[in-house]
PDB file of N, CA and C in Angstrom:
ATOM      1  N   UNK A   1       0.853  -1.151  -0.085  1.00  0.00           N
ATOM      2  CA  UNK A   1      -0.013   0.064  -0.061  1.00  0.00           C
ATOM      3  C   UNK A   1       0.955   1.168  -0.016  1.00  0.00           C
ATOM      4  N   UNK A   2       1.081   1.884  -1.168  1.00  0.00           N
ATOM      5  CA  UNK A   2       1.865   2.900  -1.364  1.00  0.00           C
ATOM      6  C   UNK A   2       1.490   4.169  -0.632  1.00  0.00           C
ATOM      7  N   UNK A   3       0.127   4.309  -0.354  1.00  0.00           N
ATOM      8  CA  UNK A   3      -0.355   5.581   0.201  1.00  0.00           C
ATOM      9  C   UNK A   3       0.048   5.677   1.695  1.00  0.00           C
ATOM     10  N   UNK A   4       0.239   4.547   2.408  1.00  0.00           N
ATOM     11  CA  UNK A   4       0.702   4.548   3.720  1.00  0.00           C
ATOM     12  C   UNK A   4       2.223   5.037   3.740  1.00  0.00           C
ATOM     13  N   UNK A   5       2.901   4.592   2.847  1.00  0.00           N
ATOM     14  CA  UNK A   5       4.423   5.023   2.811  1.00  0.00           C
ATOM     15  C   UNK A   5       4.423   6.515   2.450  1.00  0.00           C
ATOM     16  N   UNK A   6       3.593   6.957   1.600  1.00  0.00           N
ATOM     17  CA  UNK A   6       3.554   8.390   1.295  1.00  0.00           C
ATOM     18  C   UNK A   6       3.122   9.246   2.462  1.00  0.00           C
ATOM     19  N   UNK A   7       2.233   8.758   3.293  1.00  0.00           N
ATOM     20  CA  UNK A   7       1.741   9.354   4.348  1.00  0.00           C
ATOM     21  C   UNK A   7       2.835   9.491   5.414  1.00  0.00           C
ATOM     22  N   UNK A   8       3.647   8.398   5.579  1.00  0.00           N
ATOM     23  CA  UNK A   8       4.625   8.456   6.737  1.00  0.00           C
ATOM     24  C   UNK A   8       5.796   9.407   6.228  1.00  0.00           C
ATOM     25  N   UNK A   9       6.010   9.631   4.927  1.00  0.00           N
ATOM     26  CA  UNK A   9       6.957  10.569   4.369  1.00  0.00           C
ATOM     27  C   UNK A   9       6.540  11.792   4.589  1.00  0.00           C
ATOM     28  N   UNK A  10       5.274  12.163   4.368  1.00  0.00           N
ATOM     29  CA  UNK A  10       4.693  13.436   4.555  1.00  0.00           C
ATOM     30  C   UNK A  10       4.665  13.886   6.176  1.00  0.00           C
ATOM     31  N   UNK A  11       4.354  12.793   6.939  1.00  0.00           N
ATOM     32  CA  UNK A  11       4.328  13.116   8.281  1.00  0.00           C
ATOM     33  C   UNK A  11       5.664  13.428   8.966  1.00  0.00           C
ATOM     34  N   UNK A  12       6.706  12.735   8.422  1.00  0.00           N
ATOM     35  CA  UNK A  12       8.169  12.886   8.778  1.00  0.00           C
ATOM     36  C   UNK A  12       8.471  14.260   8.350  1.00  0.00           C
ATOM     37  N   UNK A  13       8.221  14.793   7.219  1.00  0.00           N
ATOM     38  CA  UNK A  13       8.484  16.055   6.747  1.00  0.00           C
ATOM     39  C   UNK A  13       7.770  17.142   7.542  1.00  0.00           C
ATOM     40  N   UNK A  14       6.507  16.884   7.968  1.00  0.00           N
ATOM     41  CA  UNK A  14       5.873  17.868   8.842  1.00  0.00           C
ATOM     42  C   UNK A  14       6.583  17.952  10.156  1.00  0.00           C
ATOM     43  N   UNK A  15       7.007  16.928  10.738  1.00  0.00           N
ATOM     44  CA  UNK A  15       7.790  16.971  12.069  1.00  0.00           C
ATOM     45  C   UNK A  15       9.095  17.591  11.802  1.00  0.00           C
ATOM     46  N   UNK A  16       9.707  17.467  10.710  1.00  0.00           N
ATOM     47  CA  UNK A  16      10.980  18.318  10.424  1.00  0.00           C
ATOM     48  C   UNK A  16      10.591  19.687  10.364  1.00  0.00           C
ATOM     49  N   UNK A  17       9.572  20.002   9.646  1.00  0.00           N
ATOM     50  CA  UNK A  17       9.135  21.453   9.649  1.00  0.00           C
ATOM     51  C   UNK A  17       8.914  22.043  10.915  1.00  0.00           C
ATOM     52  N   UNK A  18       8.270  21.296  11.840  1.00  0.00           N
ATOM     53  CA  UNK A  18       7.987  21.847  13.232  1.00  0.00           C
ATOM     54  C   UNK A  18       9.315  21.943  14.020  1.00  0.00           C
ATOM     55  N   UNK A  19      10.284  21.021  13.824  1.00  0.00           N
ATOM     56  CA  UNK A  19      11.439  21.027  14.591  1.00  0.00           C
ATOM     57  C   UNK A  19      12.663  21.832  14.116  1.00  0.00           C
ATOM     58  N   UNK A  20      12.495  22.322  12.840  1.00  0.00           N
ATOM     59  CA  UNK A  20      13.542  22.981  12.161  1.00  0.00           C
ATOM     60  C   UNK A  20      13.903  24.274  12.959  1.00  0.00           C
ATOM     61  N   UNK A  21      13.047  25.127  13.511  1.00  0.00           N
ATOM     62  CA  UNK A  21      13.465  26.253  14.110  1.00  0.00           C
ATOM     63  C   UNK A  21      14.368  26.028  15.426  1.00  0.00           C
ATOM     64  N   UNK A  22      14.244  24.913  16.079  1.00  0.00           N
ATOM     65  CA  UNK A  22      14.869  24.636  17.314  1.00  0.00           C
ATOM     66  C   UNK A  22      16.263  24.085  17.040  1.00  0.00           C
ATOM     67  N   UNK A  23      16.468  23.536  15.882  1.00  0.00           N
ATOM     68  CA  UNK A  23      17.827  22.847  15.633  1.00  0.00           C
ATOM     69  C   UNK A  23      18.905  23.805  15.617  1.00  0.00           C
ATOM     70  N   UNK A  24      18.940  25.109  15.098  1.00  0.00           N
ATOM     71  CA  UNK A  24      20.063  25.899  15.181  1.00  0.00           C
ATOM     72  C   UNK A  24      20.374  26.480  16.563  1.00  0.00           C
ATOM     73  N   UNK A  25      19.437  26.408  17.500  1.00  0.00           N
ATOM     74  CA  UNK A  25      19.626  26.897  18.779  1.00  0.00           C
ATOM     75  C   UNK A  25      20.285  25.979  19.840  1.00  0.00           C
ATOM     76  N   UNK A  26      20.859  24.892  19.252  1.00  0.00           N
ATOM     77  CA  UNK A  26      21.504  23.976  20.141  1.00  0.00           C
ATOM     78  C   UNK A  26      22.815  24.459  20.648  1.00  0.00           C
ATOM     79  N   UNK A  27      23.216  24.157  21.970  1.00  0.00           N
ATOM     80  CA  UNK A  27      24.175  24.794  22.487  1.00  0.00           C
ATOM     81  C   UNK A  27      25.176  23.745  23.202  1.00  0.00           C
ATOM     82  N   UNK A  28      24.655  22.750  23.796  1.00  0.00           N
ATOM     83  CA  UNK A  28      25.447  21.677  24.516  1.00  0.00           C
ATOM     84  C   UNK A  28      25.656  20.486  23.539  1.00  0.00           C
ATOM     85  N   UNK A  29      26.487  19.677  24.043  1.00  0.00           N
ATOM     86  CA  UNK A  29      26.831  18.426  23.358  1.00  0.00           C
ATOM     87  C   UNK A  29      25.623  17.512  23.344  1.00  0.00           C
ATOM     88  N   UNK A  30      24.925  17.464  24.391  1.00  0.00           N
ATOM     89  CA  UNK A  30      23.788  16.499  24.463  1.00  0.00           C
ATOM     90  C   UNK A  30      22.732  16.996  23.466  1.00  0.00           C
ATOM     91  N   UNK A  31      22.536  18.254  23.387  1.00  0.00           N
ATOM     92  CA  UNK A  31      21.474  18.783  22.421  1.00  0.00           C
ATOM     93  C   UNK A  31      22.025  18.320  20.935  1.00  0.00           C
ATOM     94  N   UNK A  32      23.332  18.520  20.666  1.00  0.00           N
ATOM     95  CA  UNK A  32      23.750  18.200  19.377  1.00  0.00           C
ATOM     96  C   UNK A  32      23.527  16.689  19.170  1.00  0.00           C
ATOM     97  N   UNK A  33      23.770  15.887  20.141  1.00  0.00           N
ATOM     98  CA  UNK A  33      23.653  14.478  19.863  1.00  0.00           C
ATOM     99  C   UNK A  33      22.128  14.141  19.707  1.00  0.00           C
ATOM    100  N   UNK A  34      21.263  14.803  20.410  1.00  0.00           N
ATOM    101  CA  UNK A  34      19.837  14.561  20.172  1.00  0.00           C
ATOM    102  C   UNK A  34      19.373  14.883  18.894  1.00  0.00           C
ATOM    103  N   UNK A  35      19.726  16.037  18.376  1.00  0.00           N
ATOM    104  CA  UNK A  35      19.411  16.501  17.022  1.00  0.00           C
ATOM    105  C   UNK A  35      20.061  15.614  15.942  1.00  0.00           C
ATOM    106  N   UNK A  36      21.334  15.168  16.155  1.00  0.00           N
ATOM    107  CA  UNK A  36      21.933  14.367  15.262  1.00  0.00           C
ATOM    108  C   UNK A  36      21.234  12.980  15.064  1.00  0.00           C
ATOM    109  N   UNK A  37      20.812  12.386  16.243  1.00  0.00           N
ATOM    110  CA  UNK A  37      20.117  11.107  16.157  1.00  0.00           C
ATOM    111  C   UNK A  37      18.866  11.350  15.584  1.00  0.00           C
ATOM    112  N   UNK A  38      18.163  12.478  15.800  1.00  0.00           N
ATOM    113  CA  UNK A  38      16.760  12.751  15.297  1.00  0.00           C
ATOM    114  C   UNK A  38      16.856  12.845  13.869  1.00  0.00           C
ATOM    115  N   UNK A  39      17.841  13.658  13.292  1.00  0.00           N
ATOM    116  CA  UNK A  39      17.861  13.785  11.863  1.00  0.00           C
ATOM    117  C   UNK A  39      18.328  12.548  11.138  1.00  0.00           C
ATOM    118  N   UNK A  40      19.170  11.656  11.893  1.00  0.00           N
ATOM    119  CA  UNK A  40      19.508  10.333  11.228  1.00  0.00           C
ATOM    120  C   UNK A  40      18.200   9.458  11.147  1.00  0.00           C
ATOM    121  N   UNK A  41      17.425   9.507  12.236  1.00  0.00           N
ATOM    122  CA  UNK A  41      16.201   8.711  12.072  1.00  0.00           C
ATOM    123  C   UNK A  41      15.312   9.230  11.042  1.00  0.00           C
ATOM    124  N   UNK A  42      15.239  10.568  10.905  1.00  0.00           N
ATOM    125  CA  UNK A  42      14.472  11.166   9.890  1.00  0.00           C
ATOM    126  C   UNK A  42      14.850  10.687   8.457  1.00  0.00           C
ATOM    127  N   UNK A  43      16.144  10.591   8.213  1.00  0.00           N
ATOM    128  CA  UNK A  43      16.658  10.185   6.984  1.00  0.00           C
ATOM    129  C   UNK A  43      16.271   8.704   6.754  1.00  0.00           C
ATOM    130  N   UNK A  44      16.516   7.871   7.728  1.00  0.00           N
ATOM    131  CA  UNK A  44      16.157   6.541   7.644  1.00  0.00           C
ATOM    132  C   UNK A  44      14.727   6.221   7.285  1.00  0.00           C
ATOM    133  N   UNK A  45      13.918   7.074   8.022  1.00  0.00           N
ATOM    134  CA  UNK A  45      12.461   6.829   7.816  1.00  0.00           C
ATOM    135  C   UNK A  45      12.121   7.344   6.449  1.00  0.00           C
ATOM    136  N   UNK A  46      12.442   8.506   5.914  1.00  0.00           N
ATOM    137  CA  UNK A  46      12.061   8.937   4.561  1.00  0.00           C
ATOM    138  C   UNK A  46      12.812   8.011   3.596  1.00  0.00           C
ATOM    139  N   UNK A  47      14.000   7.561   3.822  1.00  0.00           N
ATOM    140  CA  UNK A  47      14.759   6.638   2.742  1.00  0.00           C
ATOM    141  C   UNK A  47      13.947   5.261   2.676  1.00  0.00           C
ATOM    142  N   UNK A  48      13.639   4.718   3.804  1.00  0.00           N
ATOM    143  CA  UNK A  48      12.939   3.499   3.879  1.00  0.00           C
ATOM    144  C   UNK A  48      11.560   3.411   3.143  1.00  0.00           C
ATOM    145  N   UNK A  49      10.836   4.510   3.591  1.00  0.00           N
ATOM    146  CA  UNK A  49       9.590   4.653   3.081  1.00  0.00           C
ATOM    147  C   UNK A  49       9.619   5.079   1.589  1.00  0.00           C
ATOM    148  N   UNK A  50      10.602   5.824   1.224  1.00  0.00           N
ATOM    149  CA  UNK A  50      10.761   6.139  -0.170  1.00  0.00           C
ATOM    150  C   UNK A  50      10.904   5.052  -0.993  1.00  0.00           C
ATOM    151  N   UNK A  51      11.814   4.126  -0.535  1.00  0.00           N
ATOM    152  CA  UNK A  51      11.992   2.889  -1.317  1.00  0.00           C
ATOM    153  C   UNK A  51      10.786   2.117  -1.427  1.00  0.00           C
ATOM    154  N   UNK A  52       9.964   2.046  -0.375  1.00  0.00           N
ATOM    155  CA  UNK A  52       8.710   1.327  -0.419  1.00  0.00           C
ATOM    156  C   UNK A  52       7.671   1.907  -1.263  1.00  0.00           C
ATOM    157  N   UNK A  53       7.677   3.321  -1.295  1.00  0.00           N
ATOM    158  CA  UNK A  53       6.790   4.033  -2.125  1.00  0.00           C
ATOM    159  C   UNK A  53       7.125   3.897  -3.668  1.00  0.00           C
ATOM    160  N   UNK A  54       8.426   3.738  -3.956  1.00  0.00           N
ATOM    161  CA  UNK A  54       8.815   3.521  -5.313  1.00  0.00           C
ATOM    162  C   UNK A  54       8.899   2.160  -5.635  1.00  0.00           C
ATOM    163  N   UNK A  55       8.573   1.266  -4.735  1.00  0.00           N
ATOM    164  CA  UNK A  55       8.490  -0.165  -4.785  1.00  0.00           C
ATOM    165  C   UNK A  55       9.900  -0.759  -5.313  1.00  0.00           C
ATOM    166  N   UNK A  56      10.874  -0.343  -4.741  1.00  0.00           N
ATOM    167  CA  UNK A  56      12.183  -0.872  -4.948  1.00  0.00           C
ATOM    168  C   UNK A  56      12.566  -1.912  -3.881  1.00  0.00           C
ATOM    169  N   UNK A  57      13.031  -2.940  -4.255  1.00  0.00           N
ATOM    170  CA  UNK A  57      13.291  -4.061  -3.325  1.00  0.00           C
ATOM    171  C   UNK A  57      14.761  -4.518  -3.419  1.00  0.00           C
ATOM    172  N   UNK A  58      15.394  -4.807  -2.364  1.00  0.00           N
ATOM    173  CA  UNK A  58      16.759  -5.339  -2.431  1.00  0.00           C
ATOM    174  C   UNK A  58      16.601  -6.804  -2.650  1.00  0.00           C
ATOM    175  N   UNK A  59      17.179  -7.290  -3.780  1.00  0.00           N
ATOM    176  CA  UNK A  59      16.954  -8.755  -3.950  1.00  0.00           C
ATOM    177  C   UNK A  59      18.276  -9.396  -3.559  1.00  0.00           C
ATOM    178  N   UNK A  60      18.203 -10.537  -3.020  1.00  0.00           N
ATOM    179  CA  UNK A  60      19.377 -11.326  -2.665  1.00  0.00           C
ATOM    180  C   UNK A  60      19.447 -12.579  -3.506  1.00  0.00           C
ATOM    181  N   UNK A  61      20.584 -13.024  -3.757  1.00  0.00           N
ATOM    182  CA  UNK A  61      20.654 -14.368  -4.461  1.00  0.00           C
ATOM    183  C   UNK A  61      20.659 -14.092  -5.930  1.00  0.00           C
ATOM    184  N   UNK A  62      20.355 -15.127  -6.688  1.00  0.00           N
ATOM    185  CA  UNK A  62      20.497 -14.975  -8.170  1.00  0.00           C
ATOM    186  C   UNK A  62      19.111 -14.682  -8.768  1.00  0.00           C
ATOM    187  N   UNK A  63      19.214 -14.131 -10.037  1.00  0.00           N
ATOM    188  CA  UNK A  63      17.877 -13.742 -10.670  1.00  0.00           C
ATOM    189  C   UNK A  63      17.167 -15.008 -11.029  1.00  0.00           C
ATOM    190  N   UNK A  64      15.908 -14.870 -11.331  1.00  0.00           N
ATOM    191  CA  UNK A  64      15.027 -16.006 -11.556  1.00  0.00           C
ATOM    192  C   UNK A  64      15.566 -16.983 -12.629  1.00  0.00           C
ATOM    193  N   UNK A  65      16.077 -16.379 -13.725  1.00  0.00           N
ATOM    194  CA  UNK A  65      16.439 -17.269 -14.817  1.00  0.00           C
ATOM    195  C   UNK A  65      17.682 -18.149 -14.416  1.00  0.00           C
ATOM    196  N   UNK A  66      18.617 -17.482 -13.530  1.00  0.00           N
ATOM    197  CA  UNK A  66      19.724 -18.269 -13.231  1.00  0.00           C
ATOM    198  C   UNK A  66      19.337 -19.310 -12.261  1.00  0.00           C
ATOM    199  N   UNK A  67      18.369 -19.024 -11.322  1.00  0.00           N
ATOM    200  CA  UNK A  67      17.922 -19.982 -10.373  1.00  0.00           C
ATOM    201  C   UNK A  67      17.333 -21.221 -11.008  1.00  0.00           C
ATOM    202  N   UNK A  68      16.498 -21.058 -12.149  1.00  0.00           N
ATOM    203  CA  UNK A  68      15.997 -22.117 -12.814  1.00  0.00           C
ATOM    204  C   UNK A  68      17.017 -22.994 -13.458  1.00  0.00           C
ATOM    205  N   UNK A  69      18.185 -22.235 -13.946  1.00  0.00           N
ATOM    206  CA  UNK A  69      19.318 -23.103 -14.506  1.00  0.00           C
ATOM    207  C   UNK A  69      20.016 -23.854 -13.474  1.00  0.00           C
ATOM    208  N   UNK A  70      20.193 -23.277 -12.329  1.00  0.00           N
ATOM    209  CA  UNK A  70      20.784 -23.938 -11.209  1.00  0.00           C
ATOM    210  C   UNK A  70      20.033 -25.224 -10.839  1.00  0.00           C
ATOM    211  N   UNK A  71      18.734 -25.105 -10.693  1.00  0.00           N
ATOM    212  CA  UNK A  71      17.897 -26.112 -10.422  1.00  0.00           C
ATOM    213  C   UNK A  71      17.952 -27.222 -11.371  1.00  0.00           C
ATOM    214  N   UNK A  72      17.954 -26.857 -12.799  1.00  0.00           N
ATOM    215  CA  UNK A  72      18.153 -27.879 -13.776  1.00  0.00           C
ATOM    216  C   UNK A  72      19.472 -28.588 -13.693  1.00  0.00           C
ATOM    217  N   UNK A  73      20.478 -27.888 -13.344  1.00  0.00           N
ATOM    218  CA  UNK A  73      21.809 -28.538 -13.276  1.00  0.00           C
ATOM    219  C   UNK A  73      21.846 -29.549 -12.106  1.00  0.00           C
ATOM    220  N   UNK A  74      21.147 -29.185 -11.009  1.00  0.00           N
ATOM    221  CA  UNK A  74      21.180 -30.116  -9.890  1.00  0.00           C
ATOM    222  C   UNK A  74      20.325 -31.401 -10.055  1.00  0.00           C
ATOM    223  N   UNK A  75      19.454 -31.264 -11.021  1.00  0.00           N
ATOM    224  CA  UNK A  75      18.569 -32.534 -11.182  1.00  0.00           C
ATOM    225  C   UNK A  75      19.000 -33.192 -12.341  1.00  0.00           C
TER     226      UNK A  75
END
């Protein structure tokens, strides 16, 4: 369901819009760490849902044509 992935991307962008004014006001190391982790999670959420929205999948192993050839060799 691509509309759920799009909704998650839009919601993450809305949260970034709300948080953006507070990011430049960081002063301590703890605040920098918090916003760094927060922005890293934002990138992971947008990236993961972006791949889902575009229906890109990471495939492991051999392509189907080569799998059928391997099965034929085994038998």
